[in-house]
Amino acid sequence: AHRNRSARPPVEGHRGGAIPAAGYDALPPPALGASVTFFLALGIAGIVLVLLSLVVGDLLDGMLDALEADWISTAVIGGFVSAFGFGGAAADGAGLPWPLALVIGGAAGVAVGSFAWWLTGLVKDGPSDGTVSIADSVGQVGRVLTDIPNEGFGVVRVAEADATRAEGEAQAAATLAVGQAEAEAMDKRAEAFAHYNDAAVLQMLIEVLPQIAKEVAAPISAIDQLTILSSDGAGALPRQVTDNVTQTLQMLKTTTGLDLESLIHRSVERAASGMGAVAGPNGDTPAEAAGDATP
């Protein structure tokens, strides 16, 4: 008995007619559609663009200044094109219609391009290693190494370190000038105070004393209601204010060495000596101590 070597049916559509079952395995695989080839070409082109941007830097740096958009870069465009191509190829290979493959590829491109934009922005905003880019060189002082023709390119060296050093020296000079001005002002102020006599200093302190008393009594002015339990405590509150002023003057003497009480006594003695009298221990003159009695 004869046994059939293959149960596969003949294949139709061959140039020579039906192909026997024995030659079924010799057929080549079906060719990719034109749409899949287009999408794959876009994907490969996008990857090549990204690799070039990593090797030689941003190819579009300075070429798209007219658009005034910081988000446009070689990495963003390359990521969008590659994701669009591979996403569209996957959708078309799955048997989806051409318009739907375009939508899926576009969504994939937007997603990958947005991620590339975020990543490049994160790198640009991070710490710099001192490498000067074209965008950072705008407005800087540099040296032309190769002549720049009209509508052409040349080589310019930017001394970023010199600019940084000059800026630091300018800031240091400004700080030094401010410090010297403040020191000179303090010296002149101290020299002016040195020419003041005790009367002038006393006059200044007397003008300040009311303000000191006001600040000392400020906490008491915040009292809304005060209840006095006995008549003995009626005068305690004013005495408290006076004691606070005295303590303030004592603290001024301890911290600065300025004895206001001695200054007042010296001023009274000088005034009395100018009138031909000698002040007593309490600041009164002998004539005042003797009263109106006459020999």
C-alpha atoms as a PDB file:
ATOM      1  CA  ALA A   1       0.000   0.000   0.000  1.00  0.00           C
ATOM      2  CA  HIS A   2       1.188   3.464  -0.802  1.00  0.00           C
ATOM      3  CA  ARG A   3       1.325   5.996   2.141  1.00  0.00           C
ATOM      4  CA  ASN A   4       0.930   9.729   1.550  1.00  0.00           C
ATOM      5  CA  ARG A   5       4.048  11.586   2.791  1.00  0.00           C
ATOM      6  CA  SER A   6       2.152  14.757   3.725  1.00  0.00           C
ATOM      7  CA  ALA A   7      -1.432  15.565   4.567  1.00  0.00           C
ATOM      8  CA  ARG A   8      -1.063  19.270   3.759  1.00  0.00           C
ATOM      9  CA  PRO A   9      -3.225  20.644   0.948  1.00  0.00           C
ATOM     10  CA  PRO A  10      -1.714  22.211  -2.144  1.00  0.00           C
ATOM     11  CA  VAL A  11      -0.837  25.880  -1.888  1.00  0.00           C
ATOM     12  CA  GLU A  12      -2.606  28.142  -4.353  1.00  0.00           C
ATOM     13  CA  GLY A  13      -1.312  31.398  -5.849  1.00  0.00           C
ATOM     14  CA  HIS A  14       2.054  30.223  -7.086  1.00  0.00           C
ATOM     15  CA  ARG A  15       3.232  31.498 -10.459  1.00  0.00           C
ATOM     16  CA  GLY A  16       3.233  28.034 -11.848  1.00  0.00           C
ATOM     17  CA  GLY A  17      -0.118  27.133 -10.367  1.00  0.00           C
ATOM     18  CA  ALA A  18      -0.703  24.941  -7.324  1.00  0.00           C
ATOM     19  CA  ILE A  19       2.366  23.893  -5.350  1.00  0.00           C
ATOM     20  CA  PRO A  20       2.507  20.289  -4.279  1.00  0.00           C
ATOM     21  CA  ALA A  21       2.333  19.551  -0.574  1.00  0.00           C
ATOM     22  CA  ALA A  22       5.884  18.253  -0.618  1.00  0.00           C
ATOM     23  CA  GLY A  23       7.222  21.794  -1.382  1.00  0.00           C
ATOM     24  CA  TYR A  24       5.229  23.611   1.310  1.00  0.00           C
ATOM     25  CA  ASP A  25       8.189  23.957   3.706  1.00  0.00           C
ATOM     26  CA  ALA A  26      10.392  25.439   0.977  1.00  0.00           C
ATOM     27  CA  LEU A  27       8.247  28.619   0.689  1.00  0.00           C
ATOM     28  CA  PRO A  28       9.858  31.912   1.981  1.00  0.00           C
ATOM     29  CA  PRO A  29       8.207  33.729   4.935  1.00  0.00           C
ATOM     30  CA  PRO A  30       5.659  36.366   4.041  1.00  0.00           C
ATOM     31  CA  ALA A  31       7.191  39.832   3.460  1.00  0.00           C
ATOM     32  CA  LEU A  32       6.538  42.697   5.898  1.00  0.00           C
ATOM     33  CA  GLY A  33       3.982  45.277   4.876  1.00  0.00           C
ATOM     34  CA  ALA A  34       5.041  48.710   3.737  1.00  0.00           C
ATOM     35  CA  SER A  35       3.548  50.299   6.869  1.00  0.00           C
ATOM     36  CA  VAL A  36       5.539  48.079   9.228  1.00  0.00           C
ATOM     37  CA  THR A  37       8.723  48.842   7.300  1.00  0.00           C
ATOM     38  CA  PHE A  38       7.991  52.572   7.547  1.00  0.00           C
ATOM     39  CA  PHE A  39       7.432  52.426  11.297  1.00  0.00           C
ATOM     40  CA  LEU A  40      10.573  50.348  11.891  1.00  0.00           C
ATOM     41  CA  ALA A  41      12.620  52.793   9.854  1.00  0.00           C
ATOM     42  CA  LEU A  42      11.375  55.648  12.031  1.00  0.00           C
ATOM     43  CA  GLY A  43      12.202  53.724  15.186  1.00  0.00           C
ATOM     44  CA  ILE A  44      15.755  52.999  14.050  1.00  0.00           C
ATOM     45  CA  ALA A  45      16.250  56.610  12.935  1.00  0.00           C
ATOM     46  CA  GLY A  46      15.144  57.848  16.359  1.00  0.00           C
ATOM     47  CA  ILE A  47      17.598  55.550  18.145  1.00  0.00           C
ATOM     48  CA  VAL A  48      20.424  56.721  15.875  1.00  0.00           C
ATOM     49  CA  LEU A  49      19.544  60.352  16.655  1.00  0.00           C
ATOM     50  CA  VAL A  50      19.619  59.692  20.399  1.00  0.00           C
ATOM     51  CA  LEU A  51      22.986  57.920  20.136  1.00  0.00           C
ATOM     52  CA  LEU A  52      24.430  60.808  18.146  1.00  0.00           C
ATOM     53  CA  SER A  53      23.237  63.275  20.762  1.00  0.00           C
ATOM     54  CA  LEU A  54      25.007  61.243  23.455  1.00  0.00           C
ATOM     55  CA  VAL A  55      28.251  61.033  21.473  1.00  0.00           C
ATOM     56  CA  VAL A  56      28.603  64.481  19.909  1.00  0.00           C
ATOM     57  CA  GLY A  57      26.311  66.492  22.167  1.00  0.00           C
ATOM     58  CA  ASP A  58      23.084  68.289  21.418  1.00  0.00           C
ATOM     59  CA  LEU A  59      22.921  68.586  17.631  1.00  0.00           C
ATOM     60  CA  LEU A  60      20.124  71.138  17.788  1.00  0.00           C
ATOM     61  CA  ASP A  61      21.823  73.408  20.344  1.00  0.00           C
ATOM     62  CA  GLY A  62      21.596  76.935  18.946  1.00  0.00           C
ATOM     63  CA  MET A  63      19.804  75.843  15.747  1.00  0.00           C
ATOM     64  CA  LEU A  64      16.256  76.238  17.071  1.00  0.00           C
ATOM     65  CA  ASP A  65      16.612  79.517  18.957  1.00  0.00           C
ATOM     66  CA  ALA A  66      13.917  81.081  16.770  1.00  0.00           C
ATOM     67  CA  LEU A  67      11.333  78.761  18.321  1.00  0.00           C
ATOM     68  CA  GLU A  68      12.219  79.997  21.848  1.00  0.00           C
ATOM     69  CA  ALA A  69      11.377  76.596  23.370  1.00  0.00           C
ATOM     70  CA  ASP A  70      13.714  75.022  25.927  1.00  0.00           C
ATOM     71  CA  TRP A  71      11.999  71.631  25.658  1.00  0.00           C
ATOM     72  CA  ILE A  72      13.174  71.040  22.066  1.00  0.00           C
ATOM     73  CA  SER A  73      16.385  69.000  22.042  1.00  0.00           C
ATOM     74  CA  THR A  74      17.939  66.118  20.133  1.00  0.00           C
ATOM     75  CA  ALA A  75      17.137  63.675  22.932  1.00  0.00           C
ATOM     76  CA  VAL A  76      13.467  64.683  23.020  1.00  0.00           C
ATOM     77  CA  ILE A  77      13.044  64.486  19.247  1.00  0.00           C
ATOM     78  CA  GLY A  78      14.956  61.202  19.017  1.00  0.00           C
ATOM     79  CA  GLY A  79      12.932  59.642  21.825  1.00  0.00           C
ATOM     80  CA  PHE A  80       9.660  60.714  20.239  1.00  0.00           C
ATOM     81  CA  VAL A  81      10.590  59.412  16.767  1.00  0.00           C
ATOM     82  CA  SER A  82      11.883  56.067  18.017  1.00  0.00           C
ATOM     83  CA  ALA A  83       8.884  55.436  20.274  1.00  0.00           C
ATOM     84  CA  PHE A  84       6.498  56.521  17.523  1.00  0.00           C
ATOM     85  CA  GLY A  85       8.119  54.136  15.035  1.00  0.00           C
ATOM     86  CA  PHE A  86       8.327  51.071  17.256  1.00  0.00           C
ATOM     87  CA  GLY A  87       4.894  51.674  18.752  1.00  0.00           C
ATOM     88  CA  GLY A  88       3.304  52.022  15.324  1.00  0.00           C
ATOM     89  CA  ALA A  89       5.138  48.934  14.053  1.00  0.00           C
ATOM     90  CA  ALA A  90       3.883  46.875  16.993  1.00  0.00           C
ATOM     91  CA  ALA A  91       0.307  48.063  16.477  1.00  0.00           C
ATOM     92  CA  ASP A  92       0.434  47.437  12.723  1.00  0.00           C
ATOM     93  CA  GLY A  93       2.008  44.049  13.232  1.00  0.00           C
ATOM     94  CA  ALA A  94      -0.854  43.132  15.566  1.00  0.00           C
ATOM     95  CA  GLY A  95      -3.268  43.643  12.677  1.00  0.00           C
ATOM     96  CA  LEU A  96      -4.710  46.971  13.774  1.00  0.00           C
ATOM     97  CA  PRO A  97      -5.838  49.481  11.137  1.00  0.00           C
ATOM     98  CA  TRP A  98      -3.417  52.109   9.863  1.00  0.00           C
ATOM     99  CA  PRO A  99      -5.072  55.120  11.581  1.00  0.00           C
ATOM    100  CA  LEU A 100      -5.148  53.312  14.922  1.00  0.00           C
ATOM    101  CA  ALA A 101      -1.478  52.384  14.528  1.00  0.00           C
ATOM    102  CA  LEU A 102      -0.667  56.067  13.999  1.00  0.00           C
ATOM    103  CA  VAL A 103      -2.558  57.030  17.168  1.00  0.00           C
ATOM    104  CA  ILE A 104      -0.804  54.337  19.244  1.00  0.00           C
ATOM    105  CA  GLY A 105       2.586  55.328  17.849  1.00  0.00           C
ATOM    106  CA  GLY A 106       1.933  58.994  18.566  1.00  0.00           C
ATOM    107  CA  ALA A 107       0.903  58.262  22.164  1.00  0.00           C
ATOM    108  CA  ALA A 108       4.051  56.206  22.689  1.00  0.00           C
ATOM    109  CA  GLY A 109       6.171  58.995  21.176  1.00  0.00           C
ATOM    110  CA  VAL A 110       4.635  61.644  23.424  1.00  0.00           C
ATOM    111  CA  ALA A 111       5.217  59.494  26.512  1.00  0.00           C
ATOM    112  CA  VAL A 112       8.868  58.744  25.726  1.00  0.00           C
ATOM    113  CA  GLY A 113       9.542  62.313  24.554  1.00  0.00           C
ATOM    114  CA  SER A 114       8.102  63.730  27.780  1.00  0.00           C
ATOM    115  CA  PHE A 115      10.293  61.408  29.806  1.00  0.00           C
ATOM    116  CA  ALA A 116      13.351  62.468  27.782  1.00  0.00           C
ATOM    117  CA  TRP A 117      12.455  66.145  28.329  1.00  0.00           C
ATOM    118  CA  TRP A 118      12.144  65.605  32.100  1.00  0.00           C
ATOM    119  CA  LEU A 119      15.399  63.659  32.228  1.00  0.00           C
ATOM    120  CA  THR A 120      17.399  66.224  30.259  1.00  0.00           C
ATOM    121  CA  GLY A 121      15.967  69.050  32.376  1.00  0.00           C
ATOM    122  CA  LEU A 122      16.997  67.190  35.524  1.00  0.00           C
ATOM    123  CA  VAL A 123      20.524  66.802  34.208  1.00  0.00           C
ATOM    124  CA  LYS A 124      20.784  70.464  33.154  1.00  0.00           C
ATOM    125  CA  ASP A 125      19.532  71.737  36.518  1.00  0.00           C
ATOM    126  CA  GLY A 126      21.920  69.481  38.428  1.00  0.00           C
ATOM    127  CA  PRO A 127      25.438  70.354  39.596  1.00  0.00           C
ATOM    128  CA  SER A 128      27.692  71.411  36.737  1.00  0.00           C
ATOM    129  CA  ASP A 129      31.198  70.108  36.183  1.00  0.00           C
ATOM    130  CA  GLY A 130      32.315  73.398  34.692  1.00  0.00           C
ATOM    131  CA  THR A 131      31.661  72.431  31.059  1.00  0.00           C
ATOM    132  CA  VAL A 132      30.448  75.442  29.117  1.00  0.00           C
ATOM    133  CA  SER A 133      27.599  74.884  26.660  1.00  0.00           C
ATOM    134  CA  ILE A 134      26.624  77.127  23.780  1.00  0.00           C
ATOM    135  CA  ALA A 135      23.567  78.403  25.628  1.00  0.00           C
ATOM    136  CA  ASP A 136      25.657  79.287  28.700  1.00  0.00           C
ATOM    137  CA  SER A 137      28.243  81.079  26.539  1.00  0.00           C
ATOM    138  CA  VAL A 138      25.798  83.683  25.194  1.00  0.00           C
ATOM    139  CA  GLY A 139      26.783  87.075  26.544  1.00  0.00           C
ATOM    140  CA  GLN A 140      30.168  85.900  27.867  1.00  0.00           C
ATOM    141  CA  VAL A 141      33.501  87.454  26.944  1.00  0.00           C
ATOM    142  CA  GLY A 142      35.571  85.122  24.766  1.00  0.00           C
ATOM    143  CA  ARG A 143      38.459  84.944  22.343  1.00  0.00           C
ATOM    144  CA  VAL A 144      37.922  84.169  18.656  1.00  0.00           C
ATOM    145  CA  LEU A 145      40.233  81.339  17.581  1.00  0.00           C
ATOM    146  CA  THR A 146      38.804  80.826  14.096  1.00  0.00           C
ATOM    147  CA  ASP A 147      37.302  83.623  12.026  1.00  0.00           C
ATOM    148  CA  ILE A 148      33.524  83.447  11.818  1.00  0.00           C
ATOM    149  CA  PRO A 149      32.279  84.046   8.268  1.00  0.00           C
ATOM    150  CA  ASN A 150      28.884  85.505   7.462  1.00  0.00           C
ATOM    151  CA  GLU A 151      26.166  82.942   8.136  1.00  0.00           C
ATOM    152  CA  GLY A 152      28.826  80.442   9.156  1.00  0.00           C
ATOM    153  CA  PHE A 153      30.447  78.911  12.212  1.00  0.00           C
ATOM    154  CA  GLY A 154      33.781  79.463  13.925  1.00  0.00           C
ATOM    155  CA  VAL A 155      35.643  78.616  17.098  1.00  0.00           C
ATOM    156  CA  VAL A 156      35.456  80.837  20.164  1.00  0.00           C
ATOM    157  CA  ARG A 157      37.133  80.216  23.498  1.00  0.00           C
ATOM    158  CA  VAL A 158      35.202  81.357  26.566  1.00  0.00           C
ATOM    159  CA  ALA A 159      37.234  81.906  29.734  1.00  0.00           C
ATOM    160  CA  GLU A 160      34.616  80.837  32.240  1.00  0.00           C
ATOM    161  CA  ALA A 161      37.146  80.540  35.050  1.00  0.00           C
ATOM    162  CA  ASP A 162      38.415  84.085  34.482  1.00  0.00           C
ATOM    163  CA  ALA A 163      34.869  85.422  34.497  1.00  0.00           C
ATOM    164  CA  THR A 164      34.095  83.594  37.742  1.00  0.00           C
ATOM    165  CA  ARG A 165      37.287  84.865  39.356  1.00  0.00           C
ATOM    166  CA  ALA A 166      36.606  88.429  38.229  1.00  0.00           C
ATOM    167  CA  GLU A 167      33.086  88.264  39.629  1.00  0.00           C
ATOM    168  CA  GLY A 168      34.387  86.950  42.952  1.00  0.00           C
ATOM    169  CA  GLU A 169      37.035  89.668  43.139  1.00  0.00           C
ATOM    170  CA  ALA A 170      34.404  92.315  42.429  1.00  0.00           C
ATOM    171  CA  GLN A 171      32.169  90.988  45.189  1.00  0.00           C
ATOM    172  CA  ALA A 172      35.104  90.840  47.617  1.00  0.00           C
ATOM    173  CA  ALA A 173      36.092  94.417  46.759  1.00  0.00           C
ATOM    174  CA  ALA A 174      32.520  95.597  47.298  1.00  0.00           C
ATOM    175  CA  THR A 175      32.348  93.828  50.673  1.00  0.00           C
ATOM    176  CA  LEU A 176      35.684  95.324  51.714  1.00  0.00           C
ATOM    177  CA  ALA A 177      34.556  98.795  50.693  1.00  0.00           C
ATOM    178  CA  VAL A 178      31.366  98.454  52.740  1.00  0.00           C
ATOM    179  CA  GLY A 179      33.332  97.244  55.772  1.00  0.00           C
ATOM    180  CA  GLN A 180      35.826 100.087  55.505  1.00  0.00           C
ATOM    181  CA  ALA A 181      33.032 102.632  55.207  1.00  0.00           C
ATOM    182  CA  GLU A 182      31.300 101.265  58.306  1.00  0.00           C
ATOM    183  CA  ALA A 183      34.585 101.229  60.254  1.00  0.00           C
ATOM    184  CA  GLU A 184      35.347 104.820  59.259  1.00  0.00           C
ATOM    185  CA  ALA A 185      31.857 105.875  60.266  1.00  0.00           C
ATOM    186  CA  MET A 186      32.267 104.233  63.673  1.00  0.00           C
ATOM    187  CA  ASP A 187      35.673 105.898  64.169  1.00  0.00           C
ATOM    188  CA  LYS A 188      34.237 109.299  63.336  1.00  0.00           C
ATOM    189  CA  ARG A 189      31.326 108.690  65.670  1.00  0.00           C
ATOM    190  CA  ALA A 190      33.672 107.688  68.487  1.00  0.00           C
ATOM    191  CA  GLU A 191      35.839 110.747  67.804  1.00  0.00           C
ATOM    192  CA  ALA A 192      32.772 112.975  67.961  1.00  0.00           C
ATOM    193  CA  PHE A 193      31.710 111.451  71.292  1.00  0.00           C
ATOM    194  CA  ALA A 194      35.238 111.993  72.642  1.00  0.00           C
ATOM    195  CA  HIS A 195      34.825 115.748  72.175  1.00  0.00           C
ATOM    196  CA  TYR A 196      31.598 115.772  74.178  1.00  0.00           C
ATOM    197  CA  ASN A 197      31.939 117.001  77.746  1.00  0.00           C
ATOM    198  CA  ASP A 198      30.006 115.632  80.684  1.00  0.00           C
ATOM    199  CA  ALA A 199      27.283 118.247  80.233  1.00  0.00           C
ATOM    200  CA  ALA A 200      26.644 117.162  76.649  1.00  0.00           C
ATOM    201  CA  VAL A 201      26.545 113.486  77.605  1.00  0.00           C
ATOM    202  CA  LEU A 202      24.259 114.298  80.533  1.00  0.00           C
ATOM    203  CA  GLN A 203      21.961 116.227  78.244  1.00  0.00           C
ATOM    204  CA  MET A 204      21.742 113.280  75.862  1.00  0.00           C
ATOM    205  CA  LEU A 205      21.012 110.837  78.682  1.00  0.00           C
ATOM    206  CA  ILE A 206      18.366 113.096  80.172  1.00  0.00           C
ATOM    207  CA  GLU A 207      16.626 113.146  76.793  1.00  0.00           C
ATOM    208  CA  VAL A 208      16.708 109.346  76.704  1.00  0.00           C
ATOM    209  CA  LEU A 209      15.495 108.763  80.272  1.00  0.00           C
ATOM    210  CA  PRO A 210      11.772 109.369  79.499  1.00  0.00           C
ATOM    211  CA  GLN A 211      11.928 106.774  76.748  1.00  0.00           C
ATOM    212  CA  ILE A 212      13.600 104.313  79.149  1.00  0.00           C
ATOM    213  CA  ALA A 213      10.883 104.915  81.743  1.00  0.00           C
ATOM    214  CA  LYS A 214       8.201 104.431  79.090  1.00  0.00           C
ATOM    215  CA  GLU A 215       9.635 101.101  78.012  1.00  0.00           C
ATOM    216  CA  VAL A 216       9.977  99.956  81.625  1.00  0.00           C
ATOM    217  CA  ALA A 217       6.343 100.845  82.372  1.00  0.00           C
ATOM    218  CA  ALA A 218       5.051  99.254  79.142  1.00  0.00           C
ATOM    219  CA  PRO A 219       4.197  95.855  80.762  1.00  0.00           C
ATOM    220  CA  ILE A 220       2.184  97.630  83.466  1.00  0.00           C
ATOM    221  CA  SER A 221       0.184  99.583  80.876  1.00  0.00           C
ATOM    222  CA  ALA A 222      -1.160  96.260  79.579  1.00  0.00           C
ATOM    223  CA  ILE A 223      -3.043  95.667  82.873  1.00  0.00           C
ATOM    224  CA  ASP A 224      -6.774  95.988  82.246  1.00  0.00           C
ATOM    225  CA  GLN A 225      -8.102  95.764  85.809  1.00  0.00           C
ATOM    226  CA  LEU A 226      -6.186  96.090  89.091  1.00  0.00           C
ATOM    227  CA  THR A 227      -7.613  95.255  92.509  1.00  0.00           C
ATOM    228  CA  ILE A 228      -5.866  96.631  95.624  1.00  0.00           C
ATOM    229  CA  LEU A 229      -6.566  94.563  98.729  1.00  0.00           C
ATOM    230  CA  SER A 230      -5.164  97.048 101.247  1.00  0.00           C
ATOM    231  CA  SER A 231      -4.162 100.676 101.322  1.00  0.00           C
ATOM    232  CA  ASP A 232      -0.574  99.654 102.039  1.00  0.00           C
ATOM    233  CA  GLY A 233      -0.167  98.386  98.489  1.00  0.00           C
ATOM    234  CA  ALA A 234      -1.573 101.456  96.783  1.00  0.00           C
ATOM    235  CA  GLY A 235       1.862 102.985  96.242  1.00  0.00           C
ATOM    236  CA  ALA A 236       3.614  99.712  95.394  1.00  0.00           C
ATOM    237  CA  LEU A 237       2.895  99.959  91.712  1.00  0.00           C
ATOM    238  CA  PRO A 238       4.552 103.389  91.172  1.00  0.00           C
ATOM    239  CA  ARG A 239       7.482 102.287  93.330  1.00  0.00           C
ATOM    240  CA  GLN A 240       7.831  99.208  91.154  1.00  0.00           C
ATOM    241  CA  VAL A 241       8.237 101.398  88.079  1.00  0.00           C
ATOM    242  CA  THR A 242      10.822 103.550  89.871  1.00  0.00           C
ATOM    243  CA  ASP A 243      12.722 100.471  91.034  1.00  0.00           C
ATOM    244  CA  ASN A 244      12.739  99.141  87.474  1.00  0.00           C
ATOM    245  CA  VAL A 245      14.233 102.390  86.186  1.00  0.00           C
ATOM    246  CA  THR A 246      16.869 102.286  88.932  1.00  0.00           C
ATOM    247  CA  GLN A 247      17.722  98.700  88.072  1.00  0.00           C
ATOM    248  CA  THR A 248      17.993  99.668  84.405  1.00  0.00           C
ATOM    249  CA  LEU A 249      20.467 102.430  85.245  1.00  0.00           C
ATOM    250  CA  GLN A 250      22.409 100.038  87.469  1.00  0.00           C
ATOM    251  CA  MET A 251      22.548  97.487  84.651  1.00  0.00           C
ATOM    252  CA  LEU A 252      23.760 100.258  82.321  1.00  0.00           C
ATOM    253  CA  LYS A 253      26.553 101.022  84.788  1.00  0.00           C
ATOM    254  CA  THR A 254      27.496  97.348  85.093  1.00  0.00           C
ATOM    255  CA  THR A 255      27.523  96.597  81.371  1.00  0.00           C
ATOM    256  CA  THR A 256      28.955  99.840  79.958  1.00  0.00           C
ATOM    257  CA  GLY A 257      30.656 101.437  82.959  1.00  0.00           C
ATOM    258  CA  LEU A 258      28.560 104.594  82.589  1.00  0.00           C
ATOM    259  CA  ASP A 259      27.608 105.882  86.051  1.00  0.00           C
ATOM    260  CA  LEU A 260      24.736 108.282  85.522  1.00  0.00           C
ATOM    261  CA  GLU A 261      24.475 109.178  89.210  1.00  0.00           C
ATOM    262  CA  SER A 262      28.139 110.210  89.434  1.00  0.00           C
ATOM    263  CA  LEU A 263      27.777 112.132  86.209  1.00  0.00           C
ATOM    264  CA  ILE A 264      24.870 114.115  87.672  1.00  0.00           C
ATOM    265  CA  HIS A 265      26.836 114.860  90.857  1.00  0.00           C
ATOM    266  CA  ARG A 266      29.851 116.069  88.875  1.00  0.00           C
ATOM    267  CA  SER A 267      27.649 118.326  86.790  1.00  0.00           C
ATOM    268  CA  VAL A 268      26.083 119.828  89.913  1.00  0.00           C
ATOM    269  CA  GLU A 269      29.512 120.389  91.522  1.00  0.00           C
ATOM    270  CA  ARG A 270      30.834 122.114  88.415  1.00  0.00           C
ATOM    271  CA  ALA A 271      27.774 124.328  88.230  1.00  0.00           C
ATOM    272  CA  ALA A 272      28.114 125.214  91.922  1.00  0.00           C
ATOM    273  CA  SER A 273      31.845 125.922  91.638  1.00  0.00           C
ATOM    274  CA  GLY A 274      31.143 128.220  88.695  1.00  0.00           C
ATOM    275  CA  MET A 275      28.871 130.248  91.004  1.00  0.00           C
ATOM    276  CA  GLY A 276      31.518 130.371  93.765  1.00  0.00           C
ATOM    277  CA  ALA A 277      29.848 127.792  96.029  1.00  0.00           C
ATOM    278  CA  VAL A 278      30.729 124.249  97.029  1.00  0.00           C
ATOM    279  CA  ALA A 279      28.092 121.563  96.817  1.00  0.00           C
ATOM    280  CA  GLY A 280      27.255 119.587  99.892  1.00  0.00           C
ATOM    281  CA  PRO A 281      26.950 115.846 100.163  1.00  0.00           C
ATOM    282  CA  ASN A 282      23.356 115.948  98.923  1.00  0.00           C
ATOM    283  CA  GLY A 283      24.069 118.357  96.059  1.00  0.00           C
ATOM    284  CA  ASP A 284      22.901 121.456  98.020  1.00  0.00           C
ATOM    285  CA  THR A 285      25.025 124.554  98.556  1.00  0.00           C
ATOM    286  CA  PRO A 286      26.036 125.944 101.988  1.00  0.00           C
ATOM    287  CA  ALA A 287      23.753 128.913 101.481  1.00  0.00           C
ATOM    288  CA  GLU A 288      20.795 126.615 101.003  1.00  0.00           C
ATOM    289  CA  ALA A 289      21.812 124.583 104.048  1.00  0.00           C
ATOM    290  CA  ALA A 290      22.022 127.699 106.243  1.00  0.00           C
ATOM    291  CA  GLY A 291      18.613 128.891 105.149  1.00  0.00           C
ATOM    292  CA  ASP A 292      17.713 132.541 105.322  1.00  0.00           C
ATOM    293  CA  ALA A 293      19.530 133.174 108.626  1.00  0.00           C
ATOM    294  CA  THR A 294      21.732 136.282 108.696  1.00  0.00           C
ATOM    295  CA  PRO A 295      24.353 137.212 111.300  1.00  0.00           C
END
